[in-house]
C-alpha atoms as a PDB file:
ATOM      1  CA  MET A   1       0.167  -0.313   0.142  1.00  0.00           C
ATOM      2  CA  ALA A   2       2.917   2.670   0.893  1.00  0.00           C
ATOM      3  CA  ARG A   3       4.589   1.791  -2.371  1.00  0.00           C
ATOM      4  CA  THR A   4       1.516   2.510  -4.391  1.00  0.00           C
ATOM      5  CA  THR A   5       1.159   5.726  -2.333  1.00  0.00           C
ATOM      6  CA  PHE A   6       4.431   6.400  -3.176  1.00  0.00           C
ATOM      7  CA  ALA A   7       4.477   6.121  -7.247  1.00  0.00           C
ATOM      8  CA  LEU A   8       0.997   7.708  -7.771  1.00  0.00           C
ATOM      9  CA  SER A   9       2.126  10.965  -5.861  1.00  0.00           C
ATOM     10  CA  VAL A  10       5.189  10.817  -8.029  1.00  0.00           C
ATOM     11  CA  ILE A  11       2.682  10.427 -10.789  1.00  0.00           C
ATOM     12  CA  THR A  12       0.910  13.110  -9.819  1.00  0.00           C
ATOM     13  CA  ALA A  13       3.791  15.538  -8.762  1.00  0.00           C
ATOM     14  CA  ILE A  14       5.276  15.105 -12.796  1.00  0.00           C
ATOM     15  CA  ALA A  15       1.840  15.330 -14.252  1.00  0.00           C
ATOM     16  CA  LEU A  16       0.909  19.054 -11.994  1.00  0.00           C
ATOM     17  CA  GLY A  17       4.476  19.763 -13.430  1.00  0.00           C
ATOM     18  CA  LEU A  18       5.377  20.032  -9.593  1.00  0.00           C
ATOM     19  CA  VAL A  19       8.435  17.873 -10.218  1.00  0.00           C
ATOM     20  CA  THR A  20      10.570  18.168 -12.919  1.00  0.00           C
ATOM     21  CA  SER A  21      12.864  15.861 -15.008  1.00  0.00           C
ATOM     22  CA  ALA A  22      16.000  14.617 -14.280  1.00  0.00           C
ATOM     23  CA  ALA A  23      17.009  15.155 -18.214  1.00  0.00           C
ATOM     24  CA  GLN A  24      16.406  19.518 -17.619  1.00  0.00           C
ATOM     25  CA  ALA A  25      19.238  21.339 -16.147  1.00  0.00           C
ATOM     26  CA  SER A  26      19.450  21.498 -12.741  1.00  0.00           C
ATOM     27  CA  ILE A  27      19.550  24.852 -12.041  1.00  0.00           C
ATOM     28  CA  ILE A  28      17.089  24.941  -9.589  1.00  0.00           C
ATOM     29  CA  ASN A  29      15.078  28.017  -8.562  1.00  0.00           C
ATOM     30  CA  SER A  30      12.302  29.874  -5.862  1.00  0.00           C
ATOM     31  CA  GLY A  31       9.755  26.931  -5.053  1.00  0.00           C
ATOM     32  CA  GLN A  32      10.490  23.990  -7.359  1.00  0.00           C
ATOM     33  CA  THR A  33      11.130  20.352  -7.234  1.00  0.00           C
ATOM     34  CA  GLN A  34      13.166  18.141  -9.406  1.00  0.00           C
ATOM     35  CA  PHE A  35      14.197  14.463  -9.581  1.00  0.00           C
ATOM     36  CA  ALA A  36      17.869  14.404  -8.106  1.00  0.00           C
ATOM     37  CA  VAL A  37      20.816  14.190 -10.946  1.00  0.00           C
ATOM     38  CA  GLY A  38      24.023  12.483 -10.888  1.00  0.00           C
ATOM     39  CA  GLU A  39      27.060  14.779 -11.526  1.00  0.00           C
ATOM     40  CA  ALA A  40      30.476  14.022 -11.159  1.00  0.00           C
ATOM     41  CA  GLY A  41      32.266  17.091  -8.843  1.00  0.00           C
ATOM     42  CA  PRO A  42      33.140  19.163  -7.659  1.00  0.00           C
ATOM     43  CA  VAL A  43      36.219  18.483 -10.860  1.00  0.00           C
ATOM     44  CA  GLY A  44      39.380  19.766  -9.627  1.00  0.00           C
ATOM     45  CA  GLY A  45      39.591  22.491  -7.250  1.00  0.00           C
ATOM     46  CA  THR A  46      40.820  23.383  -4.589  1.00  0.00           C
ATOM     47  CA  LEU A  47      39.082  22.224  -0.316  1.00  0.00           C
ATOM     48  CA  VAL A  48      38.530  25.206   1.358  1.00  0.00           C
ATOM     49  CA  ASP A  49      36.770  24.510   4.708  1.00  0.00           C
ATOM     50  CA  SER A  50      35.569  21.705   6.054  1.00  0.00           C
ATOM     51  CA  LEU A  51      33.456  20.166   9.181  1.00  0.00           C
ATOM     52  CA  SER A  52      32.880  16.962  10.344  1.00  0.00           C
ATOM     53  CA  GLU A  53      30.509  17.053  13.158  1.00  0.00           C
ATOM     54  CA  PRO A  54      27.972  14.580  15.255  1.00  0.00           C
ATOM     55  CA  LEU A  55      24.149  14.429  14.538  1.00  0.00           C
ATOM     56  CA  VAL A  56      22.234  13.108  17.571  1.00  0.00           C
ATOM     57  CA  ALA A  57      17.880  12.828  17.806  1.00  0.00           C
ATOM     58  CA  LYS A  58      16.022  10.920  18.880  1.00  0.00           C
ATOM     59  CA  THR A  59      15.801   7.952  17.066  1.00  0.00           C
ATOM     60  CA  PHE A  60      19.244   8.318  15.236  1.00  0.00           C
ATOM     61  CA  THR A  61      22.498   9.567  15.676  1.00  0.00           C
ATOM     62  CA  GLY A  62      24.593   9.881  12.558  1.00  0.00           C
ATOM     63  CA  THR A  63      27.516  12.370  11.184  1.00  0.00           C
ATOM     64  CA  LEU A  64      27.051  15.052   9.118  1.00  0.00           C
ATOM     65  CA  HIS A  65      29.645  15.987   6.270  1.00  0.00           C
ATOM     66  CA  SER A  66      30.149  19.076   5.085  1.00  0.00           C
ATOM     67  CA  GLU A  67      33.026  21.525   2.926  1.00  0.00           C
ATOM     68  CA  VAL A  68      33.089  24.010   0.644  1.00  0.00           C
ATOM     69  CA  TRP A  69      35.270  24.266  -2.807  1.00  0.00           C
ATOM     70  CA  SER A  70      36.663  26.736  -5.088  1.00  0.00           C
ATOM     71  CA  GLY A  71      37.960  26.261  -8.115  1.00  0.00           C
ATOM     72  CA  ASP A  72      35.182  23.922  -9.340  1.00  0.00           C
ATOM     73  CA  GLU A  73      35.712  23.569 -13.655  1.00  0.00           C
ATOM     74  CA  SER A  74      32.655  21.932 -13.334  1.00  0.00           C
ATOM     75  CA  ASN A  75      30.942  24.752 -11.244  1.00  0.00           C
ATOM     76  CA  LEU A  76      29.441  26.596 -14.271  1.00  0.00           C
ATOM     77  CA  GLU A  77      27.612  29.308 -11.717  1.00  0.00           C
ATOM     78  CA  GLY A  78      31.597  30.778 -11.098  1.00  0.00           C
ATOM     79  CA  GLY A  79      31.773  30.632  -7.331  1.00  0.00           C
ATOM     80  CA  LEU A  80      32.280  28.233  -4.654  1.00  0.00           C
ATOM     81  CA  THR A  81      31.029  25.232  -4.716  1.00  0.00           C
ATOM     82  CA  PHE A  82      29.252  23.185  -1.139  1.00  0.00           C
ATOM     83  CA  VAL A  83      29.483  19.329  -0.795  1.00  0.00           C
ATOM     84  CA  TYR A  84      27.425  17.467   2.492  1.00  0.00           C
ATOM     85  CA  TRP A  85      27.316  14.213   2.853  1.00  0.00           C
ATOM     86  CA  ILE A  86      25.380  11.956   5.339  1.00  0.00           C
ATOM     87  CA  GLU A  87      26.667   9.153   7.579  1.00  0.00           C
ATOM     88  CA  ASN A  88      23.993   7.241   9.511  1.00  0.00           C
ATOM     89  CA  LEU A  89      25.091   5.492  12.485  1.00  0.00           C
ATOM     90  CA  ASN A  90      22.300   3.612  13.824  1.00  0.00           C
ATOM     91  CA  GLY A  91      23.359  -0.337  14.702  1.00  0.00           C
ATOM     92  CA  PRO A  92      20.504  -3.106  12.754  1.00  0.00           C
ATOM     93  CA  GLY A  93      16.797  -2.569  13.118  1.00  0.00           C
ATOM     94  CA  GLY A  94      17.548   1.713  13.767  1.00  0.00           C
ATOM     95  CA  ASN A  95      15.791   4.557  11.804  1.00  0.00           C
ATOM     96  CA  SER A  96      16.546   5.074   8.396  1.00  0.00           C
ATOM     97  CA  LEU A  97      17.517   8.513   6.797  1.00  0.00           C
ATOM     98  CA  SER A  98      15.023  10.287   5.014  1.00  0.00           C
ATOM     99  CA  ARG A  99      15.218  14.074   4.753  1.00  0.00           C
ATOM    100  CA  PHE A 100      18.585  16.760   4.412  1.00  0.00           C
ATOM    101  CA  THR A 101      18.262  20.089   4.480  1.00  0.00           C
ATOM    102  CA  THR A 102      20.853  23.743   5.089  1.00  0.00           C
ATOM    103  CA  SER A 103      20.180  26.974   4.221  1.00  0.00           C
ATOM    104  CA  ASN A 104      21.404  30.774   3.879  1.00  0.00           C
ATOM    105  CA  PHE A 105      21.143  30.591  -0.047  1.00  0.00           C
ATOM    106  CA  SER A 106      18.889  32.984  -0.856  1.00  0.00           C
ATOM    107  CA  GLY A 107      20.379  35.338  -3.539  1.00  0.00           C
ATOM    108  CA  PHE A 108      22.352  32.751  -5.142  1.00  0.00           C
ATOM    109  CA  SER A 109      22.235  31.192  -8.605  1.00  0.00           C
ATOM    110  CA  THR A 110      22.474  26.978  -7.506  1.00  0.00           C
ATOM    111  CA  ASP A 111      23.223  24.150  -9.635  1.00  0.00           C
ATOM    112  CA  VAL A 112      22.202  20.844  -7.537  1.00  0.00           C
ATOM    113  CA  SER A 113      22.849  17.377  -8.024  1.00  0.00           C
ATOM    114  CA  PHE A 114      25.026  14.812  -6.205  1.00  0.00           C
ATOM    115  CA  ASP A 115      27.762  12.216  -6.893  1.00  0.00           C
ATOM    116  CA  PRO A 116      26.547   9.307  -8.012  1.00  0.00           C
ATOM    117  CA  THR A 117      29.730   7.089  -7.424  1.00  0.00           C
ATOM    118  CA  ALA A 118      29.249   5.764  -4.113  1.00  0.00           C
ATOM    119  CA  GLY A 119      26.277   6.534  -1.343  1.00  0.00           C
ATOM    120  CA  ARG A 120      22.554   6.760  -1.169  1.00  0.00           C
ATOM    121  CA  ALA A 121      21.539   8.125  -3.899  1.00  0.00           C
ATOM    122  CA  PRO A 122      18.605  11.158  -3.186  1.00  0.00           C
ATOM    123  CA  THR A 123      15.109  10.689  -5.051  1.00  0.00           C
ATOM    124  CA  LEU A 124      14.305  14.393  -4.557  1.00  0.00           C
ATOM    125  CA  VAL A 125      15.764  17.982  -4.636  1.00  0.00           C
ATOM    126  CA  ASP A 126      13.851  21.147  -3.692  1.00  0.00           C
ATOM    127  CA  ARG A 127      13.967  24.680  -2.985  1.00  0.00           C
ATOM    128  CA  GLY A 128      11.909  26.903  -0.516  1.00  0.00           C
ATOM    129  CA  GLY A 129       9.641  29.603  -1.403  1.00  0.00           C
ATOM    130  CA  SER A 130      11.974  31.850  -0.056  1.00  0.00           C
ATOM    131  CA  GLY A 131      15.024  30.629  -1.925  1.00  0.00           C
ATOM    132  CA  ASP A 132      16.917  30.357   0.978  1.00  0.00           C
ATOM    133  CA  VAL A 133      16.113  26.359   1.870  1.00  0.00           C
ATOM    134  CA  MET A 134      17.673  23.797  -0.753  1.00  0.00           C
ATOM    135  CA  GLY A 135      16.304  20.001   0.103  1.00  0.00           C
ATOM    136  CA  TYR A 136      17.411  16.531  -0.335  1.00  0.00           C
ATOM    137  CA  SER A 137      14.578  13.587   0.086  1.00  0.00           C
ATOM    138  CA  PHE A 138      15.611   9.746  -0.156  1.00  0.00           C
ATOM    139  CA  LEU A 139      12.790   8.425  -0.669  1.00  0.00           C
ATOM    140  CA  GLY A 140      11.415   5.718  -2.851  1.00  0.00           C
ATOM    141  CA  ASP A 141      11.728   1.934  -3.506  1.00  0.00           C
ATOM    142  CA  PRO A 142      13.933   0.695  -6.225  1.00  0.00           C
ATOM    143  CA  ASP A 143      11.549  -1.994  -6.904  1.00  0.00           C
ATOM    144  CA  LEU A 144       8.711   0.403  -8.256  1.00  0.00           C
ATOM    145  CA  GLY A 145      12.137   2.239 -10.435  1.00  0.00           C
ATOM    146  CA  PHE A 146      11.411   5.425  -8.026  1.00  0.00           C
ATOM    147  CA  GLY A 147      14.000   5.849  -5.615  1.00  0.00           C
ATOM    148  CA  GLU A 148      16.698   4.725  -4.077  1.00  0.00           C
ATOM    149  CA  GLY A 149      14.974   4.564  -0.571  1.00  0.00           C
ATOM    150  CA  LYS A 150      16.646   6.416   2.863  1.00  0.00           C
ATOM    151  CA  ILE A 151      19.703   5.697   4.049  1.00  0.00           C
ATOM    152  CA  ALA A 152      19.359   2.464   6.201  1.00  0.00           C
ATOM    153  CA  PRO A 153      21.648   2.129   9.620  1.00  0.00           C
ATOM    154  CA  GLY A 154      25.593   1.735   8.874  1.00  0.00           C
ATOM    155  CA  GLU A 155      24.956   3.591   4.935  1.00  0.00           C
ATOM    156  CA  THR A 156      26.210   6.875   3.641  1.00  0.00           C
ATOM    157  CA  SER A 157      24.269   8.746   1.537  1.00  0.00           C
ATOM    158  CA  ALA A 158      26.681  10.004  -1.804  1.00  0.00           C
ATOM    159  CA  LYS A 159      28.066  13.846  -1.934  1.00  0.00           C
ATOM    160  CA  LEU A 160      25.547  16.470  -2.138  1.00  0.00           C
ATOM    161  CA  VAL A 161      26.725  18.726  -4.300  1.00  0.00           C
ATOM    162  CA  ILE A 162      25.686  23.099  -4.412  1.00  0.00           C
ATOM    163  CA  GLN A 163      27.135  25.010  -7.346  1.00  0.00           C
ATOM    164  CA  THR A 164      26.508  28.615  -6.775  1.00  0.00           C
ATOM    165  CA  ASN A 165      28.181  31.765  -7.651  1.00  0.00           C
ATOM    166  CA  ALA A 166      28.805  33.224  -3.995  1.00  0.00           C
ATOM    167  CA  GLN A 167      32.195  33.996  -3.390  1.00  0.00           C
ATOM    168  CA  ALA A 168      32.070  33.888   0.282  1.00  0.00           C
ATOM    169  CA  PHE A 169      30.781  31.179   2.553  1.00  0.00           C
ATOM    170  CA  VAL A 170      29.865  30.981   6.682  1.00  0.00           C
ATOM    171  CA  GLN A 171      28.955  28.820   8.481  1.00  0.00           C
ATOM    172  CA  THR A 172      25.229  27.489   9.084  1.00  0.00           C
ATOM    173  CA  LEU A 173      23.173  24.681  10.124  1.00  0.00           C
ATOM    174  CA  GLY A 174      22.068  21.080   8.527  1.00  0.00           C
ATOM    175  CA  PHE A 175      19.012  19.844   9.455  1.00  0.00           C
ATOM    176  CA  VAL A 176      18.781  15.964   8.994  1.00  0.00           C
ATOM    177  CA  ILE A 177      15.191  14.589   9.285  1.00  0.00           C
ATOM    178  CA  ASN A 178      13.890  11.108   9.819  1.00  0.00           C
ATOM    179  CA  GLY A 179      10.472  10.881  13.128  1.00  0.00           C
ATOM    180  CA  SER A 180      13.090  13.497  14.572  1.00  0.00           C
ATOM    181  CA  THR A 181      15.338  16.103  13.436  1.00  0.00           C
ATOM    182  CA  ALA A 182      19.001  16.438  14.305  1.00  0.00           C
ATOM    183  CA  SER A 183      20.877  19.586  13.445  1.00  0.00           C
ATOM    184  CA  ALA A 184      24.643  20.321  13.354  1.00  0.00           C
ATOM    185  CA  ALA A 185      26.963  22.858  12.158  1.00  0.00           C
ATOM    186  CA  ALA A 186      27.419  23.264   8.183  1.00  0.00           C
ATOM    187  CA  PHE A 187      28.670  25.795   5.402  1.00  0.00           C
ATOM    188  CA  ALA A 188      26.103  27.709   3.200  1.00  0.00           C
ATOM    189  CA  PRO A 189      26.852  31.203   0.424  1.00  0.00           C
ATOM    190  CA  THR A 190      26.908  34.725   1.962  1.00  0.00           C
ATOM    191  CA  ALA A 191      27.550  37.694   0.704  1.00  0.00           C
ATOM    192  CA  ILE A 192      30.563  39.635   0.505  1.00  0.00           C
ATOM    193  CA  VAL A 193      30.141  42.616   2.602  1.00  0.00           C
ATOM    194  CA  PRO A 194      32.614  45.674   2.684  1.00  0.00           C
ATOM    195  CA  GLU A 195      34.517  46.746   4.513  1.00  0.00           C
ATOM    196  CA  PRO A 196      33.596  50.148   6.573  1.00  0.00           C
ATOM    197  CA  SER A 197      37.009  51.917   4.686  1.00  0.00           C
ATOM    198  CA  SER A 198      35.505  51.024   1.252  1.00  0.00           C
ATOM    199  CA  MET A 199      32.112  51.764   2.617  1.00  0.00           C
ATOM    200  CA  ALA A 200      33.696  55.487   3.572  1.00  0.00           C
ATOM    201  CA  LEU A 201      35.523  55.976  -0.052  1.00  0.00           C
ATOM    202  CA  ALA A 202      31.850  55.138  -1.913  1.00  0.00           C
ATOM    203  CA  ALA A 203      29.738  57.510   0.158  1.00  0.00           C
ATOM    204  CA  MET A 204      32.410  60.164  -0.398  1.00  0.00           C
ATOM    205  CA  GLY A 205      32.676  59.168  -4.272  1.00  0.00           C
ATOM    206  CA  MET A 206      28.673  59.206  -3.649  1.00  0.00           C
ATOM    207  CA  ALA A 207      28.636  62.908  -2.604  1.00  0.00           C
ATOM    208  CA  GLY A 208      31.099  64.364  -4.544  1.00  0.00           C
ATOM    209  CA  VAL A 209      28.665  63.235  -7.423  1.00  0.00           C
ATOM    210  CA  VAL A 210      25.857  64.830  -5.611  1.00  0.00           C
ATOM    211  CA  GLY A 211      27.913  68.084  -5.309  1.00  0.00           C
ATOM    212  CA  TYR A 212      28.572  68.204  -8.359  1.00  0.00           C
ATOM    213  CA  ALA A 213      25.399  68.218  -9.556  1.00  0.00           C
ATOM    214  CA  LEU A 214      24.127  70.892  -7.438  1.00  0.00           C
ATOM    215  CA  ARG A 215      26.355  72.570  -8.430  1.00  0.00           C
ATOM    216  CA  ARG A 216      25.642  72.560 -12.307  1.00  0.00           C
ATOM    217  CA  ARG A 217      22.491  73.139 -11.379  1.00  0.00           C
ATOM    218  CA  LYS A 218      22.914  76.647  -9.598  1.00  0.00           C
ATOM    219  CA  ALA A 219      25.381  77.689 -12.689  1.00  0.00           C
END
């Protein structure tokens, strides 16, 4: 019954245009949901920073890994690439994991995919209506041809890759969900804030332009 319900929900979503085909570009905009696309990456580049943080919830434990890459040759957005993956450390009979989200992507373009070379592949990717929250869902049943299912105890997810046009990053939180929710530190884009001296120079330049315009008007 559960398998049939999932299959019908996916078919309905496709019919309504709520889920776009994986054959399309993996650029994802605010309010969109897509089938997850497998792409090798990052390609080349430099690992800028990394984290491995524990996940502890009432129904599961695990580890969230997070990386930031610069110079990723496959990143057509021209900025930083963010990589995440999840280890489900539950023992036999423990809970499987179904969803990962992280935030602070508002205002940035995002090319969302996963590395298909290892780990449990996600089924769907989505971006919240404000563009802030990015999500990966691990759903389905291989027997039905819809996804690989949840991250089982002892398994690791595929590497989840978000290529952006961001030039700077900050620590945020990543959330793993199934029955209960656990959060851990992760990385996300952040806007570059001008230094006070640069802001002062910009203000002086603007004042000069305004003054010049006023003088011309009086003349």
